[in-house]
Structures are given as C-alpha cells and as structure tokens.
C-alpha atoms as a PDB file:
ATOM      1  CA  MET A   1     132.046 110.377 164.318  1.00  0.00           C
ATOM      2  CA  ILE A   2     135.309 112.364 164.475  1.00  0.00           C
ATOM      3  CA  TYR A   3     133.899 114.793 161.909  1.00  0.00           C
ATOM      4  CA  ILE A   4     130.716 115.359 163.878  1.00  0.00           C
ATOM      5  CA  ARG A   5     132.586 115.802 167.148  1.00  0.00           C
ATOM      6  CA  SER A   6     135.016 118.205 165.500  1.00  0.00           C
ATOM      7  CA  LEU A   7     132.139 120.168 163.976  1.00  0.00           C
ATOM      8  CA  PHE A   8     130.501 120.666 167.372  1.00  0.00           C
ATOM      9  CA  ALA A   9     133.804 121.416 169.100  1.00  0.00           C
ATOM     10  CA  ASN A  10     134.834 124.031 166.545  1.00  0.00           C
ATOM     11  CA  THR A  11     131.386 125.598 166.298  1.00  0.00           C
ATOM     12  CA  PHE A  12     130.844 126.011 170.025  1.00  0.00           C
ATOM     13  CA  TYR A  13     134.451 127.005 170.681  1.00  0.00           C
ATOM     14  CA  TYR A  14     134.708 129.707 168.033  1.00  0.00           C
ATOM     15  CA  LEU A  15     131.217 131.046 168.724  1.00  0.00           C
ATOM     16  CA  SER A  16     132.253 131.394 172.369  1.00  0.00           C
ATOM     17  CA  ILE A  17     135.444 133.215 171.408  1.00  0.00           C
ATOM     18  CA  ALA A  18     133.475 135.546 169.109  1.00  0.00           C
ATOM     19  CA  PHE A  19     130.975 136.258 171.881  1.00  0.00           C
ATOM     20  CA  PHE A  20     133.695 137.051 174.394  1.00  0.00           C
ATOM     21  CA  CYS A  21     135.622 139.223 171.921  1.00  0.00           C
ATOM     22  CA  ILE A  22     132.529 141.376 171.489  1.00  0.00           C
ATOM     23  CA  GLY A  23     132.015 141.377 175.258  1.00  0.00           C
ATOM     24  CA  GLN A  24     135.572 142.641 175.642  1.00  0.00           C
ATOM     25  CA  LEU A  25     134.622 146.084 174.311  1.00  0.00           C
ATOM     26  CA  PRO A  26     132.839 147.377 177.442  1.00  0.00           C
ATOM     27  CA  VAL A  27     135.389 145.590 179.658  1.00  0.00           C
ATOM     28  CA  ALA A  28     138.124 147.585 177.904  1.00  0.00           C
ATOM     29  CA  LEU A  29     136.770 150.747 179.545  1.00  0.00           C
ATOM     30  CA  LEU A  30     137.862 149.329 182.913  1.00  0.00           C
ATOM     31  CA  PRO A  31     141.447 148.898 184.217  1.00  0.00           C
ATOM     32  CA  GLN A  32     143.458 146.281 182.277  1.00  0.00           C
ATOM     33  CA  LYS A  33     143.376 143.847 185.205  1.00  0.00           C
ATOM     34  CA  CYS A  34     139.653 143.482 184.483  1.00  0.00           C
ATOM     35  CA  SER A  35     140.371 142.363 180.902  1.00  0.00           C
ATOM     36  CA  ILE A  36     142.964 139.900 182.195  1.00  0.00           C
ATOM     37  CA  PHE A  37     140.498 138.445 184.719  1.00  0.00           C
ATOM     38  CA  TYR A  38     137.770 138.367 182.063  1.00  0.00           C
ATOM     39  CA  TRP A  39     139.859 136.209 179.725  1.00  0.00           C
ATOM     40  CA  ASP A  40     141.785 134.082 182.231  1.00  0.00           C
ATOM     41  CA  LYS A  41     138.925 133.247 184.587  1.00  0.00           C
ATOM     42  CA  ILE A  42     135.768 133.489 182.493  1.00  0.00           C
ATOM     43  CA  ALA A  43     136.210 133.509 178.716  1.00  0.00           C
ATOM     44  CA  MET A  44     138.890 130.857 178.207  1.00  0.00           C
ATOM     45  CA  PRO A  45     137.609 128.316 180.775  1.00  0.00           C
ATOM     46  CA  ILE A  46     134.132 128.458 179.211  1.00  0.00           C
ATOM     47  CA  SER A  47     135.445 128.303 175.628  1.00  0.00           C
ATOM     48  CA  LEU A  48     137.802 125.411 176.387  1.00  0.00           C
ATOM     49  CA  PHE A  49     134.967 123.562 178.087  1.00  0.00           C
ATOM     50  CA  TRP A  50     133.460 122.865 174.656  1.00  0.00           C
ATOM     51  CA  ILE A  51     136.748 121.417 173.429  1.00  0.00           C
ATOM     52  CA  LYS A  52     136.806 119.031 176.379  1.00  0.00           C
ATOM     53  CA  ILE A  53     133.157 118.029 175.996  1.00  0.00           C
ATOM     54  CA  PHE A  54     132.872 117.616 172.239  1.00  0.00           C
ATOM     55  CA  ALA A  55     136.431 116.869 171.097  1.00  0.00           C
ATOM     56  CA  GLY A  56     137.362 114.763 174.131  1.00  0.00           C
ATOM     57  CA  ILE A  57     140.586 116.697 174.665  1.00  0.00           C
ATOM     58  CA  ARG A  58     141.894 116.644 178.244  1.00  0.00           C
ATOM     59  CA  PHE A  59     144.758 118.680 179.634  1.00  0.00           C
ATOM     60  CA  GLU A  60     147.642 117.793 181.932  1.00  0.00           C
ATOM     61  CA  ILE A  61     150.244 120.186 183.300  1.00  0.00           C
ATOM     62  CA  ARG A  62     153.592 118.674 184.249  1.00  0.00           C
ATOM     63  CA  GLY A  63     156.623 120.252 185.883  1.00  0.00           C
ATOM     64  CA  LYS A  64     154.535 122.676 187.925  1.00  0.00           C
ATOM     65  CA  GLU A  65     157.493 123.152 190.245  1.00  0.00           C
ATOM     66  CA  ASN A  66     159.302 124.907 187.370  1.00  0.00           C
ATOM     67  CA  ILE A  67     156.558 127.481 186.825  1.00  0.00           C
ATOM     68  CA  LYS A  68     157.374 131.032 187.877  1.00  0.00           C
ATOM     69  CA  PRO A  69     154.245 133.235 188.119  1.00  0.00           C
ATOM     70  CA  GLN A  70     156.312 136.340 187.364  1.00  0.00           C
ATOM     71  CA  ASN A  71     159.785 137.555 186.331  1.00  0.00           C
ATOM     72  CA  ALA A  72     160.215 134.875 183.670  1.00  0.00           C
ATOM     73  CA  ILE A  73     160.135 134.289 179.948  1.00  0.00           C
ATOM     74  CA  TYR A  74     158.601 131.071 178.635  1.00  0.00           C
ATOM     75  CA  GLY A  75     160.046 129.535 175.489  1.00  0.00           C
ATOM     76  CA  CYS A  76     157.283 127.282 174.175  1.00  0.00           C
ATOM     77  CA  LYS A  77     157.146 124.829 171.290  1.00  0.00           C
ATOM     78  CA  HIS A  78     154.532 125.920 168.752  1.00  0.00           C
ATOM     79  CA  GLU A  79     152.496 123.182 167.038  1.00  0.00           C
ATOM     80  CA  SER A  80     148.936 124.505 166.922  1.00  0.00           C
ATOM     81  CA  ALA A  81     146.626 127.313 167.986  1.00  0.00           C
ATOM     82  CA  LEU A  82     145.716 125.341 171.094  1.00  0.00           C
ATOM     83  CA  GLU A  83     148.739 126.382 173.163  1.00  0.00           C
ATOM     84  CA  THR A  84     147.959 130.051 172.522  1.00  0.00           C
ATOM     85  CA  TYR A  85     144.480 129.492 173.957  1.00  0.00           C
ATOM     86  CA  TYR A  86     145.426 127.309 176.903  1.00  0.00           C
ATOM     87  CA  PHE A  87     148.683 128.789 178.188  1.00  0.00           C
ATOM     88  CA  THR A  88     147.037 131.301 180.514  1.00  0.00           C
ATOM     89  CA  GLN A  89     145.310 128.405 182.238  1.00  0.00           C
ATOM     90  CA  CYS A  90     148.789 127.125 183.145  1.00  0.00           C
ATOM     91  CA  VAL A  91     150.306 130.503 184.013  1.00  0.00           C
ATOM     92  CA  PRO A  92     147.682 133.219 184.646  1.00  0.00           C
ATOM     93  CA  THR A  93     148.225 136.773 183.309  1.00  0.00           C
ATOM     94  CA  THR A  94     150.783 135.495 180.767  1.00  0.00           C
ATOM     95  CA  THR A  95     151.113 137.671 177.701  1.00  0.00           C
ATOM     96  CA  TYR A  96     152.463 136.747 174.270  1.00  0.00           C
ATOM     97  CA  ILE A  97     154.709 138.162 171.618  1.00  0.00           C
ATOM     98  CA  LEU A  98     152.807 137.993 168.329  1.00  0.00           C
ATOM     99  CA  LYS A  99     152.955 139.386 164.830  1.00  0.00           C
ATOM    100  CA  LYS A 100     151.666 142.925 164.533  1.00  0.00           C
ATOM    101  CA  GLU A 101     149.062 142.128 161.873  1.00  0.00           C
ATOM    102  CA  LEU A 102     146.947 140.131 164.340  1.00  0.00           C
ATOM    103  CA  ILE A 103     146.199 143.187 166.468  1.00  0.00           C
ATOM    104  CA  PHE A 104     144.299 144.847 163.617  1.00  0.00           C
ATOM    105  CA  MET A 105     141.772 142.032 163.205  1.00  0.00           C
ATOM    106  CA  PRO A 106     138.314 143.342 164.203  1.00  0.00           C
ATOM    107  CA  PHE A 107     137.217 142.256 167.679  1.00  0.00           C
ATOM    108  CA  PHE A 108     139.683 139.339 167.953  1.00  0.00           C
ATOM    109  CA  GLY A 109     142.745 141.537 167.490  1.00  0.00           C
ATOM    110  CA  TRP A 110     141.296 144.289 169.642  1.00  0.00           C
ATOM    111  CA  ALA A 111     140.735 141.805 172.450  1.00  0.00           C
ATOM    112  CA  GLN A 112     144.402 140.781 172.270  1.00  0.00           C
ATOM    113  CA  TYR A 113     145.453 144.420 172.437  1.00  0.00           C
ATOM    114  CA  PHE A 114     143.349 145.160 175.517  1.00  0.00           C
ATOM    115  CA  TYR A 115     144.628 141.987 177.189  1.00  0.00           C
ATOM    116  CA  GLY A 116     148.161 143.299 176.816  1.00  0.00           C
ATOM    117  CA  MET A 117     149.681 141.205 174.040  1.00  0.00           C
ATOM    118  CA  ILE A 118     152.953 142.441 172.521  1.00  0.00           C
ATOM    119  CA  PRO A 119     152.738 143.065 168.750  1.00  0.00           C
ATOM    120  CA  VAL A 120     156.002 142.939 166.809  1.00  0.00           C
ATOM    121  CA  ASN A 121     156.805 143.881 163.237  1.00  0.00           C
ATOM    122  CA  ARG A 122     158.704 140.825 162.029  1.00  0.00           C
ATOM    123  CA  LYS A 123     160.360 142.831 159.259  1.00  0.00           C
ATOM    124  CA  GLY A 124     161.255 145.781 161.474  1.00  0.00           C
ATOM    125  CA  GLY A 125     164.864 144.780 162.114  1.00  0.00           C
ATOM    126  CA  ALA A 126     166.744 146.449 164.975  1.00  0.00           C
ATOM    127  CA  SER A 127     163.983 148.969 165.715  1.00  0.00           C
ATOM    128  CA  ALA A 128     161.464 146.149 166.119  1.00  0.00           C
ATOM    129  CA  MET A 129     163.794 144.332 168.510  1.00  0.00           C
ATOM    130  CA  LYS A 130     164.224 147.481 170.581  1.00  0.00           C
ATOM    131  CA  HIS A 131     160.469 148.004 170.679  1.00  0.00           C
ATOM    132  CA  MET A 132     159.927 144.384 171.709  1.00  0.00           C
ATOM    133  CA  LEU A 133     162.463 144.706 174.520  1.00  0.00           C
ATOM    134  CA  THR A 134     160.771 147.853 175.835  1.00  0.00           C
ATOM    135  CA  GLU A 135     157.317 146.284 175.770  1.00  0.00           C
ATOM    136  CA  VAL A 136     158.444 143.025 177.375  1.00  0.00           C
ATOM    137  CA  LYS A 137     160.133 144.989 180.156  1.00  0.00           C
ATOM    138  CA  LYS A 138     156.899 146.874 180.799  1.00  0.00           C
ATOM    139  CA  ARG A 139     155.040 143.588 181.253  1.00  0.00           C
ATOM    140  CA  THR A 140     157.636 141.844 183.385  1.00  0.00           C
ATOM    141  CA  ASP A 141     158.109 144.931 185.564  1.00  0.00           C
ATOM    142  CA  ILE A 142     154.480 144.636 186.677  1.00  0.00           C
ATOM    143  CA  GLY A 143     154.803 140.894 187.239  1.00  0.00           C
ATOM    144  CA  ARG A 144     153.378 139.481 184.004  1.00  0.00           C
ATOM    145  CA  PRO A 145     155.238 136.500 182.505  1.00  0.00           C
ATOM    146  CA  VAL A 146     155.880 136.572 178.755  1.00  0.00           C
ATOM    147  CA  VAL A 147     155.615 133.711 176.259  1.00  0.00           C
ATOM    148  CA  ILE A 148     157.633 133.605 173.059  1.00  0.00           C
ATOM    149  CA  PHE A 149     157.578 130.861 170.436  1.00  0.00           C
ATOM    150  CA  PRO A 150     161.281 130.587 169.509  1.00  0.00           C
ATOM    151  CA  GLU A 151     160.589 129.006 166.127  1.00  0.00           C
ATOM    152  CA  GLY A 152     158.341 131.912 165.180  1.00  0.00           C
ATOM    153  CA  THR A 153     155.769 129.686 163.494  1.00  0.00           C
ATOM    154  CA  ARG A 154     153.862 126.464 163.978  1.00  0.00           C
ATOM    155  CA  CYS A 155     155.625 123.195 163.165  1.00  0.00           C
ATOM    156  CA  LYS A 156     154.343 119.663 162.757  1.00  0.00           C
ATOM    157  CA  PRO A 157     155.093 117.396 165.726  1.00  0.00           C
ATOM    158  CA  GLY A 158     158.541 115.867 165.388  1.00  0.00           C
ATOM    159  CA  THR A 159     159.866 118.706 163.226  1.00  0.00           C
ATOM    160  CA  THR A 160     161.419 122.126 163.741  1.00  0.00           C
ATOM    161  CA  LYS A 161     162.012 125.129 161.503  1.00  0.00           C
ATOM    162  CA  GLY A 162     164.883 126.403 163.598  1.00  0.00           C
ATOM    163  CA  TYR A 163     165.042 128.416 166.810  1.00  0.00           C
ATOM    164  CA  LYS A 164     165.523 132.176 166.525  1.00  0.00           C
ATOM    165  CA  SER A 165     167.732 134.077 168.961  1.00  0.00           C
ATOM    166  CA  GLY A 166     165.247 136.810 169.865  1.00  0.00           C
ATOM    167  CA  ILE A 167     164.439 134.964 173.066  1.00  0.00           C
ATOM    168  CA  MET A 168     168.061 135.143 174.194  1.00  0.00           C
ATOM    169  CA  PHE A 169     168.153 138.856 173.361  1.00  0.00           C
ATOM    170  CA  LEU A 170     165.267 139.370 175.798  1.00  0.00           C
ATOM    171  CA  ALA A 171     166.576 137.072 178.520  1.00  0.00           C
ATOM    172  CA  GLU A 172     170.059 138.561 178.417  1.00  0.00           C
ATOM    173  CA  ASN A 173     168.989 142.217 178.387  1.00  0.00           C
ATOM    174  CA  LEU A 174     166.308 141.801 181.049  1.00  0.00           C
ATOM    175  CA  ASP A 175     168.295 139.322 183.152  1.00  0.00           C
ATOM    176  CA  LEU A 176     165.372 136.887 183.255  1.00  0.00           C
ATOM    177  CA  PRO A 177     165.345 133.068 183.230  1.00  0.00           C
ATOM    178  CA  VAL A 178     163.879 131.227 180.261  1.00  0.00           C
ATOM    179  CA  ILE A 179     161.581 128.336 181.108  1.00  0.00           C
ATOM    180  CA  PRO A 180     161.358 125.809 178.235  1.00  0.00           C
ATOM    181  CA  VAL A 181     157.902 124.358 177.586  1.00  0.00           C
ATOM    182  CA  ALA A 182     157.325 121.099 175.692  1.00  0.00           C
ATOM    183  CA  ILE A 183     153.898 120.180 174.332  1.00  0.00           C
ATOM    184  CA  ASN A 184     152.098 117.586 172.223  1.00  0.00           C
ATOM    185  CA  THR A 185     149.180 119.745 171.053  1.00  0.00           C
ATOM    186  CA  GLY A 186     149.822 119.087 167.376  1.00  0.00           C
ATOM    187  CA  MET A 187     149.001 115.414 167.872  1.00  0.00           C
ATOM    188  CA  PHE A 188     145.348 116.313 168.510  1.00  0.00           C
ATOM    189  CA  TRP A 189     144.881 119.781 166.993  1.00  0.00           C
ATOM    190  CA  ALA A 190     146.884 119.859 163.778  1.00  0.00           C
ATOM    191  CA  LYS A 191     147.853 123.042 161.973  1.00  0.00           C
ATOM    192  CA  ASN A 192     145.239 124.112 159.388  1.00  0.00           C
ATOM    193  CA  SER A 193     143.069 121.086 160.141  1.00  0.00           C
ATOM    194  CA  PHE A 194     139.349 121.025 160.888  1.00  0.00           C
ATOM    195  CA  LEU A 195     139.608 117.780 162.856  1.00  0.00           C
ATOM    196  CA  ARG A 196     140.064 117.642 166.636  1.00  0.00           C
ATOM    197  CA  TYR A 197     141.201 114.277 167.976  1.00  0.00           C
ATOM    198  CA  PRO A 198     140.462 113.035 171.505  1.00  0.00           C
ATOM    199  CA  GLY A 199     143.278 112.422 173.968  1.00  0.00           C
ATOM    200  CA  LYS A 200     145.490 113.981 176.614  1.00  0.00           C
ATOM    201  CA  VAL A 201     147.251 117.211 175.733  1.00  0.00           C
ATOM    202  CA  ILE A 202     150.361 117.738 177.861  1.00  0.00           C
ATOM    203  CA  PHE A 203     152.149 120.947 178.769  1.00  0.00           C
ATOM    204  CA  GLU A 204     155.473 120.145 180.429  1.00  0.00           C
ATOM    205  CA  PHE A 205     157.466 122.925 182.062  1.00  0.00           C
ATOM    206  CA  LEU A 206     161.194 122.233 182.217  1.00  0.00           C
ATOM    207  CA  PRO A 207     163.922 123.653 184.505  1.00  0.00           C
ATOM    208  CA  ALA A 208     164.834 127.261 183.763  1.00  0.00           C
ATOM    209  CA  ILE A 209     167.798 128.140 181.560  1.00  0.00           C
ATOM    210  CA  GLU A 210     169.923 131.210 182.214  1.00  0.00           C
ATOM    211  CA  ALA A 211     171.376 133.262 179.363  1.00  0.00           C
ATOM    212  CA  LYS A 212     173.982 134.992 181.511  1.00  0.00           C
ATOM    213  CA  GLY A 213     177.545 133.906 180.790  1.00  0.00           C
ATOM    214  CA  LYS A 214     176.651 131.861 177.705  1.00  0.00           C
ATOM    215  CA  SER A 215     177.287 132.497 174.048  1.00  0.00           C
ATOM    216  CA  LYS A 216     174.320 132.751 171.711  1.00  0.00           C
ATOM    217  CA  GLU A 217     175.158 129.347 170.243  1.00  0.00           C
ATOM    218  CA  GLU A 218     175.407 127.683 173.660  1.00  0.00           C
ATOM    219  CA  PHE A 219     172.144 129.121 174.935  1.00  0.00           C
ATOM    220  CA  MET A 220     170.126 128.413 171.797  1.00  0.00           C
ATOM    221  CA  LYS A 221     171.478 124.861 171.579  1.00  0.00           C
ATOM    222  CA  GLU A 222     170.584 124.219 175.222  1.00  0.00           C
ATOM    223  CA  LEU A 223     167.069 125.598 174.751  1.00  0.00           C
ATOM    224  CA  GLU A 224     166.378 123.715 171.535  1.00  0.00           C
ATOM    225  CA  THR A 225     167.752 120.434 172.903  1.00  0.00           C
ATOM    226  CA  ALA A 226     165.663 120.692 176.075  1.00  0.00           C
ATOM    227  CA  ILE A 227     162.414 121.396 174.221  1.00  0.00           C
ATOM    228  CA  GLU A 228     162.881 119.038 171.277  1.00  0.00           C
ATOM    229  CA  THR A 229     164.073 116.119 173.432  1.00  0.00           C
ATOM    230  CA  LYS A 230     161.091 116.395 175.757  1.00  0.00           C
ATOM    231  CA  CYS A 231     158.662 116.873 172.855  1.00  0.00           C
ATOM    232  CA  ALA A 232     159.988 113.664 171.295  1.00  0.00           C
ATOM    233  CA  GLU A 233     159.304 111.853 174.583  1.00  0.00           C
ATOM    234  CA  LEU A 234     155.779 113.281 174.762  1.00  0.00           C
ATOM    235  CA  ASN A 235     155.108 112.309 171.145  1.00  0.00           C
ATOM    236  CA  ALA A 236     156.273 108.743 171.781  1.00  0.00           C
ATOM    237  CA  GLU A 237     154.056 108.536 174.872  1.00  0.00           C
ATOM    238  CA  THR A 238     151.122 109.917 172.886  1.00  0.00           C
ATOM    239  CA  VAL A 239     151.514 107.436 170.030  1.00  0.00           C
ATOM    240  CA  LYS A 240     151.719 104.588 172.548  1.00  0.00           C
ATOM    241  CA  ASN A 241     148.490 105.665 174.246  1.00  0.00           C
ATOM    242  CA  TYR A 242     146.690 106.847 171.100  1.00  0.00           C
ATOM    243  CA  PRO A 243     148.091 104.938 168.076  1.00  0.00           C
ATOM    244  CA  TYR A 244     145.946 106.932 165.633  1.00  0.00           C
ATOM    245  CA  THR A 245     148.049 110.038 166.343  1.00  0.00           C
ATOM    246  CA  LYS A 246     151.142 108.556 164.662  1.00  0.00           C
ATOM    247  CA  LYS A 247     150.026 110.070 161.357  1.00  0.00           C
ATOM    248  CA  MET A 248     150.439 113.539 162.857  1.00  0.00           C
ATOM    249  CA  LEU A 249     154.213 113.198 163.119  1.00  0.00           C
ATOM    250  CA  GLY A 250     156.305 114.995 160.530  1.00  0.00           C
END
C-alpha cells in the first residue's frame, strides 16, 4: 500500500509543480509580487494538497511566536526536499539561497528565478560571498525573509555534515537575527527515496540568535546546538508516535 500511495502522491505532486512552472511564464511578465502570490497562495497549497491526501502527511508549525515576517534570516535543518516546498507556507514571501546550477533548469529553475531565489556559486570564494550578501540585502530591504541551510546539503535525520559559517557572515554584516528552525521531514520524505510515509511533519521555530558581539565559534556552536538538540527531540517524538520511522535515523 505504501508504494501505491507514494506513486499517487509523487505523480500528482510533481505534475502539479510542472503545470505551475509552465504557468509561471506569463505571470513573469507581471510585477514580482504576482509571482510570489502565485506560488505562495495558489501553486504550493494545491501541490501540497496531493501530498496530504495520498501520502497522509500532515503539517504542524510550532514556535509561531518566534516567527518574524521580515528582517530575519532563518537557519533551517535540511533533511529532504519537503522543507524547500513547505517553508513559504510557514513564512510567506520567504526566499532561499540555493546553488546557481538550479536556476538554469528549464521551467523549474526559471520559476525559482522569477520568484526571487538567490543563486550562489558554491566555488566562487570571496566574490560569491560578496554577491550573496548584496542579494540578501536586496531581499531583506524590501521585507522578504531569507532561508539558508547552514549545512549546505541534505542530511539523514540524526546526523549532520557540519554547519558552515556563511549564515553568520550574513547576520553579522546585515545586523539581522537568525531564527533556528528544527524539522523532522526526513522521517517521512527521505533523501533520494521514492517512498512517502504518513505522519506529522513538524516545523519548529526557535528563539532568535544574535551574531553581534559573538565570535564565529560561539555563534555557530549556539546555532548548531539549538537546531540539533530540538531535531533530536522531534525525532524521538516521531519514533514514539510512528515506530516505523526509526529506520530513517542515521
């Protein structure tokens, strides 16, 4: 049954995304706020509907009092593609920092560009960091929050590949708070897996962390500890409620 449900969930979800990516082309002729509305209020709610119906995945947002709708950077754990799809349902108009190659994908990449995503050349060194800072400032200056995945890649639940200091570089230079975000998405939507398991996906927003007055080591340790500790709690809660998810842990 899990294979059949996953087949329907993936088919309807990705067909919806493909449809909306094509539909983005005429929307791109309008002001960017139209593209943002198109994805936040129409495309993603409809696409995610199929995940809820066929895969049985439900969503819960915790720590809403810690959410800042603007003038903030979100440091989010990265376990699957699901958080990249759902985050704007938690914090509307949010934009992401992503690898430059994704922008050049036909239709899908173009849609990300018109939405206002921030492409970065991971091998660009200092010039890439400067470009990223400039682009993030442009977004935050007009009130758009920015999400960065500090590990830079997806990790299995219960593991980490190390937090990179680019997020502190942004927070320090733009004088913005960093809001840590813990998730358990990888327990239901595993990296490079076809299967989608039913259960409650949780996004938990934690109290903001300030970079000002802290060394790089202090800030990064505080951020990593906050996210990883809460993720461990969410994973334990998930395994208790859905014992079959234990195999997802690294």
